[in-house]
Amino acid sequence: MKSLLLIRHAKSDWADLSLKDFDRPLNDRGKRDAPAMAHRLLDKKIKIDAFISSPAKRAKKTAELFASQYKSDKKDIIFFDKLYLADTAAFYDVISQTDDEYSTIAVFSHNEGITTFANQLSDVRVDDMPTCSIFGVKMNLKKWKDFREAEKEFWFFDYPKSNQL
């Protein structure tokens, strides 16, 4: 059994309009939401074996804040350039390359690609994945390379302003 957690980066800061999109940091709300959402997962005893992220500053920091809550070293986060503004093909490619030793992976990326991808994974549809939202699916799968063809079961959808997981 394998599990995938798709996590949209936390709320970013738009104060400095001279920054490139890639370099936008998290704002104060984002810095609060990321650890809080990670803690919700921990409260539900959801283990994360690998943190995989876009290298963009806001996604990277979100992954680091989740990893910190999980007592994982931020140097163990796996970065893929193609997760920055990823399309569906990029998500499938990254996930299919994941080491089979990992049962549950968390993939941190951006809208609109992450919402589009989430909506292809099950019958559950979300209009828009809010910042720091988590969309989870489970698969009866042994090898991540078989992810694309695997039957996926919706697990949960949660976001900061929701009161439940």
Protein backbone atom coordinates (compact mmCIF):
# COMPACT_ATOMS: atom_id res chain seq x y z
CA MET A 1 0.00 0.00 0.00
CA LYS A 2 1.30 3.46 -0.95
CA SER A 3 -0.07 6.88 -0.03
CA LEU A 4 0.38 10.24 -1.72
CA LEU A 5 -0.12 13.61 -0.04
CA LEU A 6 -0.28 16.53 -2.46
CA ILE A 7 0.43 19.75 -0.57
CA ARG A 8 0.11 23.20 -2.05
CA HIS A 9 2.67 25.63 -0.65
CA ALA A 10 1.53 27.85 2.23
CA LYS A 11 0.46 31.48 1.76
CA SER A 12 3.16 33.56 0.10
CA ASP A 13 4.19 37.15 0.59
CA TRP A 14 3.51 39.69 -2.16
CA ALA A 15 4.97 42.70 -0.31
CA ASP A 16 8.05 42.98 -2.54
CA LEU A 17 6.79 43.14 -6.12
CA SER A 18 10.37 43.29 -7.42
CA LEU A 19 10.93 39.65 -6.46
CA LYS A 20 10.68 37.00 -9.14
CA ASP A 21 7.77 34.59 -8.62
CA PHE A 22 10.25 31.79 -7.83
CA ASP A 23 11.75 33.82 -4.97
CA ARG A 24 8.57 34.82 -3.14
CA PRO A 25 8.76 33.84 0.56
CA LEU A 26 5.95 32.77 2.88
CA ASN A 27 4.01 35.47 4.69
CA ASP A 28 3.26 35.29 8.42
CA ARG A 29 0.05 33.32 7.88
CA GLY A 30 1.91 30.81 5.71
CA LYS A 31 4.56 30.38 8.41
CA ARG A 32 1.77 29.58 10.89
CA ASP A 33 -0.36 27.40 8.60
CA ALA A 34 2.38 24.99 7.48
CA PRO A 35 3.34 23.70 10.96
CA ALA A 36 -0.35 23.63 11.96
CA MET A 37 -1.26 21.48 8.95
CA ALA A 38 1.68 19.16 9.58
CA HIS A 39 0.51 18.84 13.17
CA ARG A 40 -2.98 17.84 11.96
CA LEU A 41 -1.38 14.98 10.04
CA LEU A 42 0.65 13.96 13.08
CA ASP A 43 -2.49 14.02 15.25
CA LYS A 44 -4.04 11.53 12.84
CA LYS A 45 -0.89 9.35 13.02
CA ILE A 46 -0.11 9.91 9.34
CA LYS A 47 3.55 9.12 8.78
CA ILE A 48 5.50 10.75 5.95
CA ASP A 49 8.48 8.81 4.62
CA ALA A 50 9.67 11.33 2.03
CA PHE A 51 9.25 15.06 1.47
CA ILE A 52 9.46 15.98 -2.22
CA SER A 53 9.27 19.62 -3.25
CA SER A 54 9.50 22.30 -5.85
CA PRO A 55 12.65 24.33 -5.20
CA ALA A 56 10.74 27.65 -5.31
CA LYS A 57 11.24 29.51 -2.05
CA ARG A 58 7.62 29.29 -0.83
CA ALA A 59 7.29 25.56 -1.58
CA LYS A 60 10.73 24.81 -0.14
CA LYS A 61 9.92 26.64 3.11
CA THR A 62 6.54 24.87 3.38
CA ALA A 63 8.28 21.49 2.98
CA GLU A 64 10.90 22.51 5.56
CA LEU A 65 8.22 23.50 8.07
CA PHE A 66 6.42 20.17 7.57
CA ALA A 67 9.70 18.25 7.86
CA SER A 68 10.53 20.11 11.07
CA GLN A 69 7.22 19.07 12.64
CA TYR A 70 8.03 15.49 11.64
CA LYS A 71 11.50 15.79 13.22
CA SER A 72 13.05 15.21 9.80
CA ASP A 73 16.14 17.04 8.64
CA LYS A 74 15.44 19.64 5.97
CA LYS A 75 18.51 18.42 4.09
CA ASP A 76 16.61 15.18 3.41
CA ILE A 77 13.93 16.98 1.36
CA ILE A 78 14.10 15.90 -2.28
CA PHE A 79 13.85 18.77 -4.77
CA PHE A 80 12.70 18.53 -8.38
CA ASP A 81 12.90 21.62 -10.59
CA LYS A 82 9.99 20.31 -12.65
CA LEU A 83 7.64 20.67 -9.65
CA TYR A 84 7.84 24.46 -10.01
CA LEU A 85 4.64 25.36 -11.89
CA ALA A 86 4.32 21.67 -12.76
CA ASP A 87 1.87 20.22 -15.22
CA THR A 88 0.27 16.81 -14.83
CA ALA A 89 3.06 15.03 -16.72
CA ALA A 90 5.66 16.48 -14.34
CA PHE A 91 3.79 15.16 -11.29
CA TYR A 92 3.51 11.68 -12.78
CA ASP A 93 7.19 11.74 -13.73
CA VAL A 94 8.39 12.79 -10.27
CA ILE A 95 6.15 10.34 -8.42
CA SER A 96 7.12 7.44 -10.69
CA GLN A 97 10.80 8.07 -9.83
CA THR A 98 10.21 7.78 -6.08
CA ASP A 99 12.17 5.14 -4.21
CA ASP A 100 9.94 2.15 -3.46
CA GLU A 101 11.12 2.06 0.15
CA TYR A 102 8.82 5.05 0.82
CA SER A 103 5.21 4.16 1.61
CA THR A 104 3.85 7.67 2.12
CA ILE A 105 5.21 10.64 0.24
CA ALA A 106 4.35 14.32 0.48
CA VAL A 107 4.73 16.34 -2.72
CA PHE A 108 4.85 20.15 -2.36
CA SER A 109 4.01 22.24 -5.40
CA HIS A 110 1.96 25.10 -6.84
CA ASN A 111 -1.40 25.96 -8.29
CA GLU A 112 -2.89 25.58 -10.83
CA GLY A 113 -1.05 22.40 -11.68
CA ILE A 114 -1.52 20.78 -8.28
CA THR A 115 -5.30 21.27 -8.41
CA THR A 116 -5.48 19.90 -11.95
CA PHE A 117 -3.41 16.88 -10.95
CA ALA A 118 -5.42 16.21 -7.78
CA ASN A 119 -8.62 16.22 -9.82
CA GLN A 120 -7.28 13.45 -12.05
CA LEU A 121 -6.56 11.07 -9.19
CA SER A 122 -10.06 10.15 -8.02
CA ASP A 123 -13.74 10.95 -8.41
CA VAL A 124 -13.42 13.69 -5.78
CA ARG A 125 -13.09 17.16 -7.30
CA VAL A 126 -11.79 20.35 -5.72
CA ASP A 127 -12.39 23.70 -7.40
CA ASP A 128 -9.13 25.07 -6.09
CA MET A 129 -6.57 23.76 -3.63
CA PRO A 130 -6.15 26.60 -1.15
CA THR A 131 -2.69 27.46 0.11
CA CYS A 132 -1.33 24.76 2.42
CA SER A 133 -4.14 22.36 1.54
CA ILE A 134 -3.54 18.61 1.48
CA PHE A 135 -5.14 16.15 -0.94
CA GLY A 136 -4.48 12.50 -0.10
CA VAL A 137 -4.93 9.30 -2.07
CA LYS A 138 -4.02 5.68 -1.36
CA MET A 139 -3.10 2.95 -3.81
CA ASN A 140 -2.65 -0.79 -3.54
CA LEU A 141 0.79 -0.54 -5.08
CA LYS A 142 4.29 -1.90 -4.52
CA LYS A 143 6.30 0.20 -6.96
CA TRP A 144 5.94 3.92 -7.52
CA LYS A 145 6.78 3.44 -11.21
CA ASP A 146 3.29 1.89 -11.52
CA PHE A 147 1.56 4.93 -10.00
CA ARG A 148 0.01 6.29 -13.20
CA GLU A 149 -1.94 3.09 -13.95
CA ALA A 150 -2.78 2.24 -10.34
CA GLU A 151 -6.33 2.56 -9.07
CA LYS A 152 -6.36 5.41 -6.59
CA GLU A 153 -8.68 5.75 -3.62
CA PHE A 154 -9.52 9.18 -2.24
CA TRP A 155 -8.25 9.43 1.34
CA PHE A 156 -8.96 13.00 2.50
CA PHE A 157 -8.81 16.68 1.66
CA ASP A 158 -7.94 19.28 4.29
CA TYR A 159 -6.95 22.94 4.33
CA PRO A 160 -6.12 25.52 7.02
CA LYS A 161 -9.59 27.05 7.35
CA SER A 162 -11.23 23.61 7.58
CA ASN A 163 -11.96 22.17 11.00
CA GLN A 164 -11.41 18.55 10.17
CA LEU A 165 -9.07 16.10 8.51
